[in-house]
Amino acid sequence: ASSLAVDFKLGHLQAGFPSVFFVALFGSFLAYIYSAPPLKLKVNGWTGGYALAFSYVALPWWCGQAIFGALNVEILLLTAF
């Protein structure tokens, strides 16, 4: 709900794409599949490590870019890999 409020304040809802909300939604989904069966990413060292690194590096970068700049595919790919 707070991410939608930020999108509304920044004018993203009027533009048609609530980017902060989708970053928050993706982060919540990643947190869920990290611990919940059947995927439970934390069991495997590779997938769990990648999920943690992704949540500590890429997600904050995406959120900052969505708030202070323009979040586009190029930014998503450069920070994800």
Protein backbone atom coordinates (compact mmCIF):
# COMPACT_ATOMS: atom_id res chain seq x y z
CA ALA A 1 0.00 0.00 0.00
CA SER A 2 2.80 2.42 0.79
CA SER A 3 4.47 1.69 -2.54
CA LEU A 4 1.25 2.65 -4.33
CA ALA A 5 1.21 5.88 -2.32
CA VAL A 6 4.75 6.64 -3.48
CA ASP A 7 3.79 5.88 -7.08
CA PHE A 8 0.77 8.16 -6.75
CA LYS A 9 2.88 10.98 -5.27
CA LEU A 10 5.44 10.66 -8.08
CA GLY A 11 2.77 10.57 -10.79
CA HIS A 12 3.49 7.02 -11.90
CA LEU A 13 -0.15 5.97 -11.59
CA GLN A 14 -1.25 8.74 -13.92
CA ALA A 15 1.45 7.68 -16.39
CA GLY A 16 0.09 4.15 -16.32
CA PHE A 17 2.90 2.09 -14.75
CA PRO A 18 3.31 1.89 -10.95
CA SER A 19 7.00 0.88 -11.03
CA VAL A 20 7.67 1.18 -7.27
CA PHE A 21 4.69 -1.07 -6.58
CA PHE A 22 5.94 -3.75 -9.00
CA VAL A 23 9.44 -3.67 -7.50
CA ALA A 24 7.91 -4.11 -4.03
CA LEU A 25 5.67 -6.90 -5.30
CA PHE A 26 8.61 -8.71 -6.89
CA GLY A 27 10.63 -8.33 -3.67
CA SER A 28 7.78 -9.80 -1.64
CA PHE A 29 7.51 -12.71 -4.07
CA LEU A 30 11.26 -13.33 -3.87
CA ALA A 31 11.12 -13.30 -0.06
CA TYR A 32 8.26 -15.80 -0.15
CA ILE A 33 9.91 -18.31 -2.48
CA TYR A 34 13.16 -18.04 -0.52
CA SER A 35 11.54 -19.75 2.48
CA ALA A 36 8.32 -21.41 1.32
CA PRO A 37 7.99 -24.87 -0.18
CA PRO A 38 8.06 -26.18 -2.86
CA LEU A 39 10.88 -23.94 -4.17
CA LYS A 40 12.52 -23.03 -0.84
CA LEU A 41 15.54 -21.34 -2.43
CA LYS A 42 17.51 -21.23 0.82
CA VAL A 43 18.03 -25.01 0.73
CA ASN A 44 20.25 -24.79 -2.36
CA GLY A 45 23.42 -22.75 -1.97
CA TRP A 46 23.37 -21.44 -5.53
CA THR A 47 19.77 -20.32 -5.77
CA GLY A 48 19.63 -19.08 -2.19
CA GLY A 49 22.82 -17.08 -2.58
CA TYR A 50 21.63 -15.56 -5.82
CA ALA A 51 18.25 -14.66 -4.30
CA LEU A 52 19.94 -12.96 -1.33
CA ALA A 53 22.41 -11.08 -3.50
CA PHE A 54 19.61 -10.04 -5.81
CA SER A 55 17.53 -8.73 -2.92
CA TYR A 56 20.46 -6.82 -1.40
CA VAL A 57 21.76 -5.28 -4.64
CA ALA A 58 19.28 -5.23 -7.51
CA LEU A 59 16.00 -4.55 -5.71
CA PRO A 60 17.20 -1.45 -3.80
CA TRP A 61 18.81 -0.15 -6.99
CA TRP A 62 15.58 -0.66 -8.93
CA CYS A 63 13.53 1.07 -6.26
CA GLY A 64 15.87 4.06 -6.16
CA GLN A 65 15.92 4.25 -9.93
CA ALA A 66 12.12 4.06 -10.05
CA ILE A 67 11.82 6.91 -7.55
CA PHE A 68 14.62 9.22 -8.68
CA GLY A 69 15.04 8.31 -12.36
CA ALA A 70 13.51 6.12 -15.01
CA LEU A 71 13.41 2.36 -14.55
CA ASN A 72 13.84 0.72 -17.95
CA VAL A 73 14.88 -2.65 -19.35
CA GLU A 74 18.52 -1.61 -19.69
CA ILE A 75 18.75 -0.75 -15.98
CA LEU A 76 16.98 -3.99 -15.05
CA LEU A 77 19.43 -6.12 -17.04
CA LEU A 78 22.57 -4.27 -15.97
CA THR A 79 21.78 -4.61 -12.28
CA ALA A 80 20.38 -8.15 -12.39
CA PHE A 81 23.48 -9.79 -13.85
